[in-house]
Structure formats: structure tokens, C-alpha cells
Amino acid sequence: MKSIHYTDARDKQARVLDDDVANGEPLIIIQRSGKSVIFVAAEPYEDMTKVESEADYH
């Protein structure tokens, strides 16, 4: 999984969203505080939550 610092992600927002997130790969955004968030395109996220929901149901 690719990672990028928050400042770089902010400065290159269009490229990050178009090239990195849109390709379906999650992207870790690392904040200065050391906390991280993960960006993922909507379709893979929906697939993940659907599988998780189905697993909870069974």
C-alpha cells in the first residue's frame, strides 16, 4: 500500500485522487502528528463493507 505525507497529498491533490486513489489501491495519508488516514475509491470501499456486512450476517 502506497503512503504519502499530508502536505504532499494536499499540494498534489488532483494527481493523488486521479492516479492513486482512482486505480483502486488504498492510499495512506500520514499527518504531521503521526496519525494516518486511508483514502480508498468508493467502489472498493463499498465492496469491502458489503463483504463485512455479509460476514456479520452469517
N, C-alpha and C. Protein backbone atom coordinates (compact mmCIF):
# COMPACT_ATOMS: atom_id res chain seq x y z
N MET A 1 0.86 -1.17 0.00
CA MET A 1 0.00 0.00 0.00
C MET A 1 0.91 1.23 0.00
N LYS A 2 0.61 2.15 -0.87
CA LYS A 2 1.39 3.37 -1.01
C LYS A 2 1.03 4.36 0.10
N SER A 3 2.00 5.16 0.51
CA SER A 3 1.73 6.20 1.51
C SER A 3 2.33 7.51 1.04
N ILE A 4 1.78 8.61 1.55
CA ILE A 4 2.23 9.95 1.20
C ILE A 4 1.98 10.86 2.40
N HIS A 5 2.84 11.82 2.59
CA HIS A 5 2.64 12.77 3.69
C HIS A 5 1.50 13.73 3.32
N TYR A 6 0.78 14.18 4.33
CA TYR A 6 -0.38 15.04 4.16
C TYR A 6 -0.07 16.26 3.29
N THR A 7 1.04 16.93 3.57
CA THR A 7 1.40 18.14 2.82
C THR A 7 1.56 17.84 1.34
N ASP A 8 2.22 16.74 1.01
CA ASP A 8 2.39 16.36 -0.39
C ASP A 8 1.05 16.02 -1.02
N ALA A 9 0.20 15.31 -0.28
CA ALA A 9 -1.13 14.95 -0.79
C ALA A 9 -1.95 16.20 -1.07
N ARG A 10 -1.86 17.17 -0.16
CA ARG A 10 -2.61 18.42 -0.33
C ARG A 10 -2.09 19.19 -1.55
N ASP A 11 -0.77 19.26 -1.67
CA ASP A 11 -0.18 20.02 -2.77
C ASP A 11 -0.42 19.36 -4.13
N LYS A 12 -0.58 18.05 -4.14
CA LYS A 12 -0.75 17.30 -5.39
C LYS A 12 -2.11 16.61 -5.42
N GLN A 13 -3.11 17.26 -4.88
CA GLN A 13 -4.42 16.63 -4.68
C GLN A 13 -5.00 16.02 -5.94
N ALA A 14 -4.98 16.73 -7.04
CA ALA A 14 -5.58 16.20 -8.28
C ALA A 14 -4.87 14.93 -8.72
N ARG A 15 -3.54 14.91 -8.70
CA ARG A 15 -2.80 13.73 -9.11
C ARG A 15 -3.04 12.57 -8.17
N VAL A 16 -3.06 12.87 -6.87
CA VAL A 16 -3.28 11.82 -5.88
C VAL A 16 -4.64 11.16 -6.10
N LEU A 17 -5.67 11.96 -6.29
CA LEU A 17 -7.01 11.40 -6.48
C LEU A 17 -7.15 10.70 -7.82
N ASP A 18 -6.62 11.31 -8.87
CA ASP A 18 -6.77 10.74 -10.21
C ASP A 18 -5.91 9.50 -10.41
N ASP A 19 -4.68 9.54 -9.96
CA ASP A 19 -3.74 8.46 -10.25
C ASP A 19 -3.71 7.38 -9.18
N ASP A 20 -3.70 7.78 -7.93
CA ASP A 20 -3.50 6.82 -6.86
C ASP A 20 -4.81 6.22 -6.36
N VAL A 21 -5.75 7.04 -5.99
CA VAL A 21 -6.99 6.54 -5.41
C VAL A 21 -7.89 5.93 -6.48
N ALA A 22 -7.95 6.54 -7.64
CA ALA A 22 -8.85 6.05 -8.70
C ALA A 22 -8.44 4.69 -9.23
N ASN A 23 -7.19 4.28 -9.04
CA ASN A 23 -6.76 2.99 -9.55
C ASN A 23 -7.22 1.83 -8.66
N GLY A 24 -7.90 2.17 -7.57
CA GLY A 24 -8.46 1.14 -6.71
C GLY A 24 -7.56 0.74 -5.55
N GLU A 25 -6.36 1.26 -5.50
CA GLU A 25 -5.45 0.95 -4.41
C GLU A 25 -5.66 1.93 -3.26
N PRO A 26 -5.76 1.44 -2.04
CA PRO A 26 -5.84 2.35 -0.90
C PRO A 26 -4.56 3.18 -0.79
N LEU A 27 -4.67 4.36 -0.27
CA LEU A 27 -3.53 5.26 -0.11
C LEU A 27 -3.52 5.76 1.33
N ILE A 28 -2.40 5.59 2.01
CA ILE A 28 -2.26 6.08 3.38
C ILE A 28 -1.78 7.52 3.34
N ILE A 29 -2.50 8.40 4.03
CA ILE A 29 -2.10 9.80 4.18
C ILE A 29 -1.58 9.96 5.60
N ILE A 30 -0.32 10.34 5.73
CA ILE A 30 0.32 10.44 7.04
C ILE A 30 0.34 11.91 7.47
N GLN A 31 -0.27 12.19 8.60
CA GLN A 31 -0.31 13.55 9.13
C GLN A 31 0.97 13.85 9.92
N ARG A 32 1.26 15.12 10.09
CA ARG A 32 2.44 15.54 10.83
C ARG A 32 2.45 14.97 12.25
N SER A 33 1.27 14.82 12.84
CA SER A 33 1.15 14.30 14.20
C SER A 33 1.49 12.82 14.28
N GLY A 34 1.60 12.18 13.11
CA GLY A 34 1.86 10.75 13.08
C GLY A 34 0.61 9.92 12.87
N LYS A 35 -0.55 10.56 13.02
CA LYS A 35 -1.80 9.86 12.75
C LYS A 35 -1.95 9.66 11.25
N SER A 36 -2.64 8.61 10.87
CA SER A 36 -2.82 8.32 9.46
C SER A 36 -4.28 8.10 9.14
N VAL A 37 -4.61 8.37 7.88
CA VAL A 37 -5.93 8.04 7.35
C VAL A 37 -5.71 7.28 6.06
N ILE A 38 -6.73 6.54 5.64
CA ILE A 38 -6.61 5.80 4.40
C ILE A 38 -7.67 6.31 3.43
N PHE A 39 -7.22 6.68 2.24
CA PHE A 39 -8.14 7.05 1.16
C PHE A 39 -8.33 5.83 0.30
N VAL A 40 -9.56 5.58 -0.06
CA VAL A 40 -9.87 4.48 -0.96
C VAL A 40 -11.03 4.92 -1.84
N ALA A 41 -11.02 4.49 -3.09
CA ALA A 41 -12.10 4.83 -4.00
C ALA A 41 -13.41 4.24 -3.48
N ALA A 42 -14.52 4.82 -3.87
CA ALA A 42 -15.82 4.42 -3.34
C ALA A 42 -16.17 2.97 -3.67
N GLU A 43 -15.94 2.53 -4.89
CA GLU A 43 -16.34 1.17 -5.27
C GLU A 43 -15.64 0.09 -4.44
N PRO A 44 -14.31 0.13 -4.31
CA PRO A 44 -13.68 -0.89 -3.46
C PRO A 44 -14.13 -0.80 -2.00
N TYR A 45 -14.37 0.40 -1.51
CA TYR A 45 -14.85 0.56 -0.14
C TYR A 45 -16.22 -0.09 0.02
N GLU A 46 -17.10 0.16 -0.93
CA GLU A 46 -18.44 -0.43 -0.87
C GLU A 46 -18.36 -1.96 -0.92
N ASP A 47 -17.44 -2.48 -1.74
CA ASP A 47 -17.24 -3.93 -1.81
C ASP A 47 -16.78 -4.47 -0.45
N MET A 48 -15.84 -3.77 0.18
CA MET A 48 -15.33 -4.21 1.48
C MET A 48 -16.43 -4.21 2.54
N THR A 49 -17.22 -3.16 2.56
CA THR A 49 -18.27 -3.09 3.58
C THR A 49 -19.37 -4.10 3.31
N LYS A 50 -19.62 -4.41 2.05
CA LYS A 50 -20.61 -5.43 1.71
C LYS A 50 -20.15 -6.80 2.20
N VAL A 51 -18.88 -7.14 1.97
CA VAL A 51 -18.34 -8.42 2.42
C VAL A 51 -18.38 -8.49 3.95
N GLU A 52 -18.02 -7.40 4.59
CA GLU A 52 -18.03 -7.35 6.05
C GLU A 52 -19.44 -7.53 6.58
N SER A 53 -20.40 -6.88 5.96
CA SER A 53 -21.80 -6.98 6.37
C SER A 53 -22.32 -8.41 6.20
N GLU A 54 -21.96 -9.03 5.09
CA GLU A 54 -22.38 -10.41 4.83
C GLU A 54 -21.75 -11.36 5.83
N ALA A 55 -20.50 -11.11 6.21
CA ALA A 55 -19.82 -11.96 7.18
C ALA A 55 -20.48 -11.83 8.56
N ASP A 56 -20.91 -10.63 8.91
CA ASP A 56 -21.59 -10.43 10.19
C ASP A 56 -22.95 -11.12 10.20
N TYR A 57 -23.57 -11.20 9.06
CA TYR A 57 -24.91 -11.79 8.95
C TYR A 57 -24.87 -13.32 9.14
N HIS A 58 -23.84 -13.94 8.63
CA HIS A 58 -23.76 -15.42 8.68
C HIS A 58 -23.26 -15.85 9.99
